[in-house]
Amino acid sequence: MTEEIVTCPGCGNEIGREYVIDGVVFLDCGGVIVHRLEANCKQCGRDIFWVVPDVRLERLIKKVLENREKRD
């Protein structure tokens, strides 16, 4: 697992922490895990956009479906 701090490109304010687990990217932002973020920095007001690339999201969905099949 790797971890990286995500910051505002305008002022450097910490937005959240990006985690990569088994090749899947997650953003921990204020106590929630998101795969898409459209917001404004609370320090400088700059627009913030963060999205999980579709390929990684597809892998995550595939893993969830595989895990469901194993349980059934």
PDB file of N, CA and C in Angstrom:
ATOM      1  N   MET A   1       0.847  -1.179   0.000  1.00  0.00           N
ATOM      2  CA  MET A   1       0.000   0.000   0.000  1.00  0.00           C
ATOM      3  C   MET A   1       0.888   1.235   0.000  1.00  0.00           C
ATOM      4  N   THR A   2       0.584   2.146  -0.890  1.00  0.00           N
ATOM      5  CA  THR A   2       1.310   3.413  -0.900  1.00  0.00           C
ATOM      6  C   THR A   2       0.344   4.536  -0.539  1.00  0.00           C
ATOM      7  N   GLU A   3       0.884   5.608  -0.030  1.00  0.00           N
ATOM      8  CA  GLU A   3       0.077   6.745   0.397  1.00  0.00           C
ATOM      9  C   GLU A   3       0.733   8.023  -0.090  1.00  0.00           C
ATOM     10  N   GLU A   4      -0.095   8.950  -0.572  1.00  0.00           N
ATOM     11  CA  GLU A   4       0.412  10.238  -1.034  1.00  0.00           C
ATOM     12  C   GLU A   4      -0.563  11.338  -0.618  1.00  0.00           C
ATOM     13  N   ILE A   5      -0.033  12.443  -0.157  1.00  0.00           N
ATOM     14  CA  ILE A   5      -0.872  13.578   0.217  1.00  0.00           C
ATOM     15  C   ILE A   5      -1.299  14.314  -1.043  1.00  0.00           C
ATOM     16  N   VAL A   6      -2.596  14.592  -1.164  1.00  0.00           N
ATOM     17  CA  VAL A   6      -3.143  15.356  -2.283  1.00  0.00           C
ATOM     18  C   VAL A   6      -3.338  16.786  -1.800  1.00  0.00           C
ATOM     19  N   THR A   7      -2.774  17.736  -2.535  1.00  0.00           N
ATOM     20  CA  THR A   7      -2.850  19.136  -2.126  1.00  0.00           C
ATOM     21  C   THR A   7      -3.491  19.992  -3.212  1.00  0.00           C
ATOM     22  N   CYS A   8      -3.960  21.156  -2.802  1.00  0.00           N
ATOM     23  CA  CYS A   8      -4.509  22.126  -3.733  1.00  0.00           C
ATOM     24  C   CYS A   8      -3.379  22.628  -4.632  1.00  0.00           C
ATOM     25  N   PRO A   9      -3.584  22.646  -5.946  1.00  0.00           N
ATOM     26  CA  PRO A   9      -2.538  23.146  -6.843  1.00  0.00           C
ATOM     27  C   PRO A   9      -2.324  24.653  -6.718  1.00  0.00           C
ATOM     28  N   GLY A  10      -3.267  25.341  -6.098  1.00  0.00           N
ATOM     29  CA  GLY A  10      -3.145  26.787  -5.956  1.00  0.00           C
ATOM     30  C   GLY A  10      -2.345  27.209  -4.736  1.00  0.00           C
ATOM     31  N   CYS A  11      -2.715  26.664  -3.570  1.00  0.00           N
ATOM     32  CA  CYS A  11      -2.102  27.136  -2.330  1.00  0.00           C
ATOM     33  C   CYS A  11      -1.377  26.056  -1.527  1.00  0.00           C
ATOM     34  N   GLY A  12      -1.512  24.797  -1.936  1.00  0.00           N
ATOM     35  CA  GLY A  12      -0.819  23.724  -1.225  1.00  0.00           C
ATOM     36  C   GLY A  12      -1.575  23.173  -0.026  1.00  0.00           C
ATOM     37  N   ASN A  13      -2.796  23.642   0.222  1.00  0.00           N
ATOM     38  CA  ASN A  13      -3.618  23.134   1.313  1.00  0.00           C
ATOM     39  C   ASN A  13      -3.864  21.637   1.119  1.00  0.00           C
ATOM     40  N   GLU A  14      -3.771  20.846   2.194  1.00  0.00           N
ATOM     41  CA  GLU A  14      -4.007  19.411   2.091  1.00  0.00           C
ATOM     42  C   GLU A  14      -5.489  19.146   1.842  1.00  0.00           C
ATOM     43  N   ILE A  15      -5.780  18.411   0.764  1.00  0.00           N
ATOM     44  CA  ILE A  15      -7.142  18.052   0.390  1.00  0.00           C
ATOM     45  C   ILE A  15      -7.501  16.691   0.961  1.00  0.00           C
ATOM     46  N   GLY A  16      -6.571  15.767   0.924  1.00  0.00           N
ATOM     47  CA  GLY A  16      -6.798  14.411   1.419  1.00  0.00           C
ATOM     48  C   GLY A  16      -5.568  13.567   1.199  1.00  0.00           C
ATOM     49  N   ARG A  17      -5.758  12.266   1.344  1.00  0.00           N
ATOM     50  CA  ARG A  17      -4.659  11.315   1.142  1.00  0.00           C
ATOM     51  C   ARG A  17      -5.089  10.268   0.131  1.00  0.00           C
ATOM     52  N   GLU A  18      -4.228  10.070  -0.844  1.00  0.00           N
ATOM     53  CA  GLU A  18      -4.476   9.097  -1.900  1.00  0.00           C
ATOM     54  C   GLU A  18      -3.785   7.793  -1.522  1.00  0.00           C
ATOM     55  N   TYR A  19      -4.540   6.705  -1.567  1.00  0.00           N
ATOM     56  CA  TYR A  19      -3.992   5.388  -1.264  1.00  0.00           C
ATOM     57  C   TYR A  19      -4.080   4.516  -2.498  1.00  0.00           C
ATOM     58  N   VAL A  20      -3.040   3.736  -2.749  1.00  0.00           N
ATOM     59  CA  VAL A  20      -3.062   2.752  -3.824  1.00  0.00           C
ATOM     60  C   VAL A  20      -2.956   1.387  -3.164  1.00  0.00           C
ATOM     61  N   ILE A  21      -4.014   0.603  -3.293  1.00  0.00           N
ATOM     62  CA  ILE A  21      -4.052  -0.736  -2.704  1.00  0.00           C
ATOM     63  C   ILE A  21      -4.334  -1.716  -3.831  1.00  0.00           C
ATOM     64  N   ASP A  22      -3.395  -2.624  -4.083  1.00  0.00           N
ATOM     65  CA  ASP A  22      -3.520  -3.603  -5.164  1.00  0.00           C
ATOM     66  C   ASP A  22      -3.822  -2.937  -6.502  1.00  0.00           C
ATOM     67  N   GLY A  23      -3.195  -1.806  -6.761  1.00  0.00           N
ATOM     68  CA  GLY A  23      -3.369  -1.120  -8.035  1.00  0.00           C
ATOM     69  C   GLY A  23      -4.639  -0.288  -8.144  1.00  0.00           C
ATOM     70  N   VAL A  24      -5.413  -0.197  -7.065  1.00  0.00           N
ATOM     71  CA  VAL A  24      -6.651   0.585  -7.076  1.00  0.00           C
ATOM     72  C   VAL A  24      -6.434   1.837  -6.239  1.00  0.00           C
ATOM     73  N   VAL A  25      -6.845   2.994  -6.762  1.00  0.00           N
ATOM     74  CA  VAL A  25      -6.616   4.279  -6.110  1.00  0.00           C
ATOM     75  C   VAL A  25      -7.855   4.701  -5.321  1.00  0.00           C
ATOM     76  N   PHE A  26      -7.624   5.148  -4.095  1.00  0.00           N
ATOM     77  CA  PHE A  26      -8.685   5.658  -3.236  1.00  0.00           C
ATOM     78  C   PHE A  26      -8.262   7.033  -2.733  1.00  0.00           C
ATOM     79  N   LEU A  27      -9.212   7.931  -2.517  1.00  0.00           N
ATOM     80  CA  LEU A  27      -8.925   9.227  -1.914  1.00  0.00           C
ATOM     81  C   LEU A  27      -9.699   9.336  -0.610  1.00  0.00           C
ATOM     82  N   ASP A  28      -8.962   9.426   0.492  1.00  0.00           N
ATOM     83  CA  ASP A  28      -9.551   9.628   1.811  1.00  0.00           C
ATOM     84  C   ASP A  28      -9.630  11.132   2.005  1.00  0.00           C
ATOM     85  N   CYS A  29     -10.850  11.639   2.069  1.00  0.00           N
ATOM     86  CA  CYS A  29     -11.057  13.083   2.086  1.00  0.00           C
ATOM     87  C   CYS A  29     -12.045  13.444   3.189  1.00  0.00           C
ATOM     88  N   GLY A  30     -11.542  13.921   4.292  1.00  0.00           N
ATOM     89  CA  GLY A  30     -12.424  14.352   5.370  1.00  0.00           C
ATOM     90  C   GLY A  30     -13.241  13.246   5.992  1.00  0.00           C
ATOM     91  N   GLY A  31     -12.680  12.062   6.099  1.00  0.00           N
ATOM     92  CA  GLY A  31     -13.391  10.961   6.737  1.00  0.00           C
ATOM     93  C   GLY A  31     -14.222  10.099   5.808  1.00  0.00           C
ATOM     94  N   VAL A  32     -14.196  10.385   4.511  1.00  0.00           N
ATOM     95  CA  VAL A  32     -14.900   9.556   3.541  1.00  0.00           C
ATOM     96  C   VAL A  32     -13.920   9.137   2.445  1.00  0.00           C
ATOM     97  N   ILE A  33     -14.206   8.010   1.826  1.00  0.00           N
ATOM     98  CA  ILE A  33     -13.411   7.540   0.693  1.00  0.00           C
ATOM     99  C   ILE A  33     -14.193   7.891  -0.562  1.00  0.00           C
ATOM    100  N   VAL A  34     -13.545   8.589  -1.489  1.00  0.00           N
ATOM    101  CA  VAL A  34     -14.224   9.005  -2.719  1.00  0.00           C
ATOM    102  C   VAL A  34     -13.477   8.490  -3.938  1.00  0.00           C
ATOM    103  N   HIS A  35     -14.214   8.322  -5.038  1.00  0.00           N
ATOM    104  CA  HIS A  35     -13.571   7.981  -6.306  1.00  0.00           C
ATOM    105  C   HIS A  35     -13.672   9.140  -7.279  1.00  0.00           C
ATOM    106  N   ARG A  36     -14.434  10.184  -6.882  1.00  0.00           N
ATOM    107  CA  ARG A  36     -14.553  11.383  -7.709  1.00  0.00           C
ATOM    108  C   ARG A  36     -14.772  12.572  -6.776  1.00  0.00           C
ATOM    109  N   LEU A  37     -14.053  13.643  -6.999  1.00  0.00           N
ATOM    110  CA  LEU A  37     -14.194  14.824  -6.160  1.00  0.00           C
ATOM    111  C   LEU A  37     -14.254  16.062  -7.041  1.00  0.00           C
ATOM    112  N   GLU A  38     -15.309  16.833  -6.893  1.00  0.00           N
ATOM    113  CA  GLU A  38     -15.444  18.140  -7.530  1.00  0.00           C
ATOM    114  C   GLU A  38     -15.753  19.102  -6.397  1.00  0.00           C
ATOM    115  N   ALA A  39     -14.795  19.932  -6.047  1.00  0.00           N
ATOM    116  CA  ALA A  39     -14.939  20.789  -4.871  1.00  0.00           C
ATOM    117  C   ALA A  39     -14.117  22.052  -5.045  1.00  0.00           C
ATOM    118  N   ASN A  40     -14.131  22.875  -4.013  1.00  0.00           N
ATOM    119  CA  ASN A  40     -13.303  24.069  -3.974  1.00  0.00           C
ATOM    120  C   ASN A  40     -12.442  24.019  -2.726  1.00  0.00           C
ATOM    121  N   CYS A  41     -11.212  24.475  -2.856  1.00  0.00           N
ATOM    122  CA  CYS A  41     -10.306  24.543  -1.719  1.00  0.00           C
ATOM    123  C   CYS A  41     -10.868  25.521  -0.697  1.00  0.00           C
ATOM    124  N   LYS A  42     -10.901  25.115   0.563  1.00  0.00           N
ATOM    125  CA  LYS A  42     -11.442  26.009   1.590  1.00  0.00           C
ATOM    126  C   LYS A  42     -10.481  27.126   1.962  1.00  0.00           C
ATOM    127  N   GLN A  43      -9.230  27.044   1.513  1.00  0.00           N
ATOM    128  CA  GLN A  43      -8.257  28.101   1.790  1.00  0.00           C
ATOM    129  C   GLN A  43      -8.249  29.190   0.719  1.00  0.00           C
ATOM    130  N   CYS A  44      -8.195  28.773  -0.554  1.00  0.00           N
ATOM    131  CA  CYS A  44      -8.046  29.768  -1.625  1.00  0.00           C
ATOM    132  C   CYS A  44      -9.220  29.812  -2.606  1.00  0.00           C
ATOM    133  N   GLY A  45     -10.128  28.842  -2.521  1.00  0.00           N
ATOM    134  CA  GLY A  45     -11.298  28.829  -3.386  1.00  0.00           C
ATOM    135  C   GLY A  45     -11.106  28.194  -4.751  1.00  0.00           C
ATOM    136  N   ARG A  46      -9.908  27.743  -5.054  1.00  0.00           N
ATOM    137  CA  ARG A  46      -9.636  27.148  -6.368  1.00  0.00           C
ATOM    138  C   ARG A  46     -10.439  25.866  -6.567  1.00  0.00           C
ATOM    139  N   ASP A  47     -10.881  25.633  -7.810  1.00  0.00           N
ATOM    140  CA  ASP A  47     -11.587  24.403  -8.147  1.00  0.00           C
ATOM    141  C   ASP A  47     -10.646  23.210  -7.995  1.00  0.00           C
ATOM    142  N   ILE A  48     -11.172  22.134  -7.416  1.00  0.00           N
ATOM    143  CA  ILE A  48     -10.414  20.891  -7.240  1.00  0.00           C
ATOM    144  C   ILE A  48     -11.187  19.784  -7.936  1.00  0.00           C
ATOM    145  N   PHE A  49     -10.534  19.071  -8.837  1.00  0.00           N
ATOM    146  CA  PHE A  49     -11.127  17.922  -9.512  1.00  0.00           C
ATOM    147  C   PHE A  49     -10.199  16.734  -9.322  1.00  0.00           C
ATOM    148  N   TRP A  50     -10.740  15.623  -8.864  1.00  0.00           N
ATOM    149  CA  TRP A  50      -9.957  14.398  -8.664  1.00  0.00           C
ATOM    150  C   TRP A  50     -10.854  13.241  -9.046  1.00  0.00           C
ATOM    151  N   VAL A  51     -10.384  12.388  -9.964  1.00  0.00           N
ATOM    152  CA  VAL A  51     -11.195  11.272 -10.456  1.00  0.00           C
ATOM    153  C   VAL A  51     -10.321  10.034 -10.567  1.00  0.00           C
ATOM    154  N   VAL A  52     -10.877   8.885 -10.156  1.00  0.00           N
ATOM    155  CA  VAL A  52     -10.177   7.618 -10.358  1.00  0.00           C
ATOM    156  C   VAL A  52     -10.246   7.303 -11.849  1.00  0.00           C
ATOM    157  N   PRO A  53      -9.117   7.007 -12.471  1.00  0.00           N
ATOM    158  CA  PRO A  53      -9.160   6.617 -13.882  1.00  0.00           C
ATOM    159  C   PRO A  53     -10.079   5.413 -14.079  1.00  0.00           C
ATOM    160  N   ASP A  54     -10.839   5.407 -15.163  1.00  0.00           N
ATOM    161  CA  ASP A  54     -11.824   4.353 -15.418  1.00  0.00           C
ATOM    162  C   ASP A  54     -11.223   2.959 -15.389  1.00  0.00           C
ATOM    163  N   VAL A  55     -10.004   2.791 -15.870  1.00  0.00           N
ATOM    164  CA  VAL A  55      -9.381   1.469 -15.907  1.00  0.00           C
ATOM    165  C   VAL A  55      -9.243   0.926 -14.489  1.00  0.00           C
ATOM    166  N   ARG A  56      -8.817   1.750 -13.562  1.00  0.00           N
ATOM    167  CA  ARG A  56      -8.674   1.299 -12.186  1.00  0.00           C
ATOM    168  C   ARG A  56     -10.026   1.039 -11.555  1.00  0.00           C
ATOM    169  N   LEU A  57     -10.998   1.859 -11.869  1.00  0.00           N
ATOM    170  CA  LEU A  57     -12.344   1.657 -11.339  1.00  0.00           C
ATOM    171  C   LEU A  57     -12.915   0.351 -11.877  1.00  0.00           C
ATOM    172  N   GLU A  58     -12.664   0.054 -13.140  1.00  0.00           N
ATOM    173  CA  GLU A  58     -13.119  -1.212 -13.717  1.00  0.00           C
ATOM    174  C   GLU A  58     -12.492  -2.388 -12.974  1.00  0.00           C
ATOM    175  N   ARG A  59     -11.189  -2.286 -12.640  1.00  0.00           N
ATOM    176  CA  ARG A  59     -10.525  -3.352 -11.879  1.00  0.00           C
ATOM    177  C   ARG A  59     -11.162  -3.532 -10.509  1.00  0.00           C
ATOM    178  N   LEU A  60     -11.493  -2.420  -9.857  1.00  0.00           N
ATOM    179  CA  LEU A  60     -12.124  -2.484  -8.547  1.00  0.00           C
ATOM    180  C   LEU A  60     -13.484  -3.180  -8.642  1.00  0.00           C
ATOM    181  N   ILE A  61     -14.274  -2.820  -9.632  1.00  0.00           N
ATOM    182  CA  ILE A  61     -15.583  -3.444  -9.817  1.00  0.00           C
ATOM    183  C   ILE A  61     -15.417  -4.933 -10.082  1.00  0.00           C
ATOM    184  N   LYS A  62     -14.438  -5.285 -10.886  1.00  0.00           N
ATOM    185  CA  LYS A  62     -14.184  -6.697 -11.187  1.00  0.00           C
ATOM    186  C   LYS A  62     -13.821  -7.461  -9.920  1.00  0.00           C
ATOM    187  N   LYS A  63     -12.976  -6.877  -9.055  1.00  0.00           N
ATOM    188  CA  LYS A  63     -12.602  -7.536  -7.799  1.00  0.00           C
ATOM    189  C   LYS A  63     -13.807  -7.728  -6.897  1.00  0.00           C
ATOM    190  N   VAL A  64     -14.668  -6.725  -6.815  1.00  0.00           N
ATOM    191  CA  VAL A  64     -15.873  -6.834  -5.986  1.00  0.00           C
ATOM    192  C   VAL A  64     -16.752  -7.965  -6.497  1.00  0.00           C
ATOM    193  N   LEU A  65     -16.959  -8.017  -7.799  1.00  0.00           N
ATOM    194  CA  LEU A  65     -17.786  -9.079  -8.374  1.00  0.00           C
ATOM    195  C   LEU A  65     -17.169 -10.453  -8.145  1.00  0.00           C
ATOM    196  N   GLU A  66     -15.858 -10.581  -8.287  1.00  0.00           N
ATOM    197  CA  GLU A  66     -15.186 -11.858  -8.032  1.00  0.00           C
ATOM    198  C   GLU A  66     -15.341 -12.287  -6.582  1.00  0.00           C
ATOM    199  N   ASN A  67     -15.222 -11.340  -5.655  1.00  0.00           N
ATOM    200  CA  ASN A  67     -15.386 -11.658  -4.239  1.00  0.00           C
ATOM    201  C   ASN A  67     -16.817 -12.102  -3.937  1.00  0.00           C
ATOM    202  N   ARG A  68     -17.786 -11.488  -4.582  1.00  0.00           N
ATOM    203  CA  ARG A  68     -19.184 -11.896  -4.394  1.00  0.00           C
ATOM    204  C   ARG A  68     -19.399 -13.321  -4.857  1.00  0.00           C
ATOM    205  N   GLU A  69     -18.814 -13.672  -6.010  1.00  0.00           N
ATOM    206  CA  GLU A  69     -18.961 -15.018  -6.555  1.00  0.00           C
ATOM    207  C   GLU A  69     -18.331 -16.061  -5.626  1.00  0.00           C
ATOM    208  N   LYS A  70     -17.215 -15.715  -5.002  1.00  0.00           N
ATOM    209  CA  LYS A  70     -16.553 -16.638  -4.081  1.00  0.00           C
ATOM    210  C   LYS A  70     -17.395 -16.922  -2.855  1.00  0.00           C
ATOM    211  N   ARG A  71     -18.154 -15.915  -2.407  1.00  0.00           N
ATOM    212  CA  ARG A  71     -18.994 -16.076  -1.215  1.00  0.00           C
ATOM    213  C   ARG A  71     -20.238 -16.905  -1.506  1.00  0.00           C
ATOM    214  N   ASP A  72     -20.701 -16.880  -2.750  1.00  0.00           N
ATOM    215  CA  ASP A  72     -21.944 -17.600  -3.091  1.00  0.00           C
ATOM    216  C   ASP A  72     -21.738 -19.078  -3.261  1.00  0.00           C
TER     217      ASP A  72
END
